[in-house]
Protein backbone atom coordinates (compact mmCIF):
# COMPACT_ATOMS: atom_id res chain seq x y z
CA MET A 1 6.74 -18.53 -10.67
CA SER A 2 5.88 -17.47 -14.20
CA ASP A 3 7.25 -14.16 -15.46
CA ASN A 4 3.73 -12.80 -15.92
CA VAL A 5 2.72 -13.52 -12.32
CA HIS A 6 6.04 -12.13 -11.10
CA LEU A 7 5.50 -8.87 -13.01
CA GLN A 8 2.03 -8.47 -11.50
CA GLN A 9 3.49 -8.32 -8.00
CA PRO A 10 4.15 -4.89 -6.47
CA LEU A 11 7.71 -3.66 -7.00
CA ALA A 12 8.47 -3.86 -3.27
CA GLU A 13 7.51 -7.56 -3.29
CA ARG A 14 9.60 -8.29 -6.39
CA LEU A 15 12.65 -6.62 -4.83
CA ARG A 16 12.18 -7.99 -1.30
CA PRO A 17 15.34 -9.75 -0.04
CA ARG A 18 15.09 -13.55 -0.29
CA ASN A 19 17.78 -14.27 2.30
CA LEU A 20 19.53 -12.52 5.17
CA GLY A 21 22.55 -11.71 3.02
CA GLU A 22 20.40 -9.56 0.73
CA VAL A 23 19.15 -7.32 3.58
CA ILE A 24 20.76 -3.89 3.40
CA GLY A 25 21.07 -1.99 6.66
CA GLN A 26 19.75 -3.14 10.03
CA GLN A 27 23.27 -4.15 11.07
CA HIS A 28 22.33 -3.30 14.66
CA LEU A 29 19.99 -6.33 14.42
CA ILE A 30 21.60 -8.74 12.00
CA GLY A 31 25.29 -7.87 12.28
CA GLU A 32 27.89 -10.53 13.05
CA GLY A 33 27.65 -11.88 16.60
CA LEU A 34 24.30 -10.23 17.38
CA ALA A 35 21.34 -12.14 18.79
CA LEU A 36 19.17 -12.16 15.68
CA ARG A 37 22.05 -13.20 13.41
CA LEU A 38 23.01 -15.95 15.87
CA ALA A 39 19.42 -17.21 15.89
CA PHE A 40 19.50 -17.53 12.10
CA GLU A 41 22.90 -19.21 12.10
CA SER A 42 22.14 -21.65 14.93
CA GLY A 43 18.63 -22.52 13.81
CA GLN A 44 17.41 -21.65 17.31
CA PRO A 45 14.60 -19.10 17.02
CA HIS A 46 13.66 -16.80 19.86
CA SER A 47 10.91 -14.29 20.34
CA CYS A 48 11.50 -10.67 19.45
CA ILE A 49 9.60 -7.50 18.67
CA LEU A 50 10.47 -5.58 15.53
CA TRP A 51 9.35 -1.95 15.54
CA GLY A 52 9.99 1.14 13.49
CA PRO A 53 8.56 3.30 10.76
CA PRO A 54 7.19 1.86 7.51
CA GLY A 55 9.71 0.58 5.01
CA VAL A 56 12.64 -0.24 7.28
CA GLY A 57 12.45 -4.02 6.82
CA LYS A 58 10.40 -5.33 9.76
CA THR A 59 8.15 -7.52 7.64
CA THR A 60 11.03 -8.67 5.46
CA ILE A 61 13.08 -9.79 8.46
CA ALA A 62 10.02 -11.50 9.97
CA ARG A 63 9.38 -13.36 6.69
CA LEU A 64 13.03 -14.42 6.52
CA MET A 65 12.81 -15.70 10.09
CA ALA A 66 9.71 -17.73 9.26
CA ASP A 67 11.45 -19.22 6.22
CA ALA A 68 14.66 -19.95 8.13
CA PHE A 69 12.84 -21.73 10.94
CA ASP A 70 10.24 -23.43 8.73
CA ALA A 71 7.49 -21.52 10.52
CA GLN A 72 4.17 -20.20 9.29
CA PHE A 73 4.14 -16.46 8.63
CA ILE A 74 0.92 -14.58 9.36
CA SER A 75 0.87 -10.92 8.37
CA ILE A 76 -1.49 -8.63 10.26
CA SER A 77 -1.51 -4.90 9.63
CA ALA A 78 -1.59 -2.84 12.80
CA VAL A 79 -3.32 -0.13 10.78
CA LEU A 80 -5.86 -2.20 8.87
CA GLY A 81 -6.24 -5.22 11.15
CA GLY A 82 -8.34 -5.43 14.24
CA VAL A 83 -8.95 -7.63 17.26
CA LYS A 84 -10.91 -10.08 15.09
CA ASP A 85 -7.86 -10.61 12.85
CA ILE A 86 -5.57 -11.19 15.82
CA ARG A 87 -8.00 -13.66 17.42
CA GLU A 88 -8.30 -15.53 14.14
CA ALA A 89 -4.51 -15.74 13.80
CA VAL A 90 -4.17 -17.01 17.39
CA ASP A 91 -6.92 -19.58 16.84
CA ASN A 92 -5.24 -20.79 13.64
CA ALA A 93 -1.87 -21.03 15.39
CA GLN A 94 -3.38 -23.00 18.28
CA ALA A 95 -5.12 -25.36 15.85
CA ALA A 96 -1.86 -25.90 13.97
CA LEU A 97 -0.01 -26.57 17.22
CA GLN A 98 -2.64 -29.10 18.32
CA GLY A 99 -2.26 -30.80 14.95
CA LEU A 100 1.44 -31.23 15.66
CA HIS A 101 0.89 -32.48 19.22
CA PRO A 102 -2.17 -34.76 19.41
């Protein structure tokens, strides 16, 4: 990524952790021997729900999970998104899955 494009990104995006080791806090989720950490280490993803106030790292951890498991990441804002956005994301996921399994 060019320096100019990088500098145009919001500060939060530029400073977002790029791997699990860069995440500060959330040890109750990603600490040694815990389910989410074991999923990352084993390469065996599982479903989970991340909840909490803004800015605690939910989206960052979800993005890291997608990267770790070579999965597509779709971001939908619970505040700004609506049913249409969710349906579109589900339709896209189903289409992608059908593309993998003819």
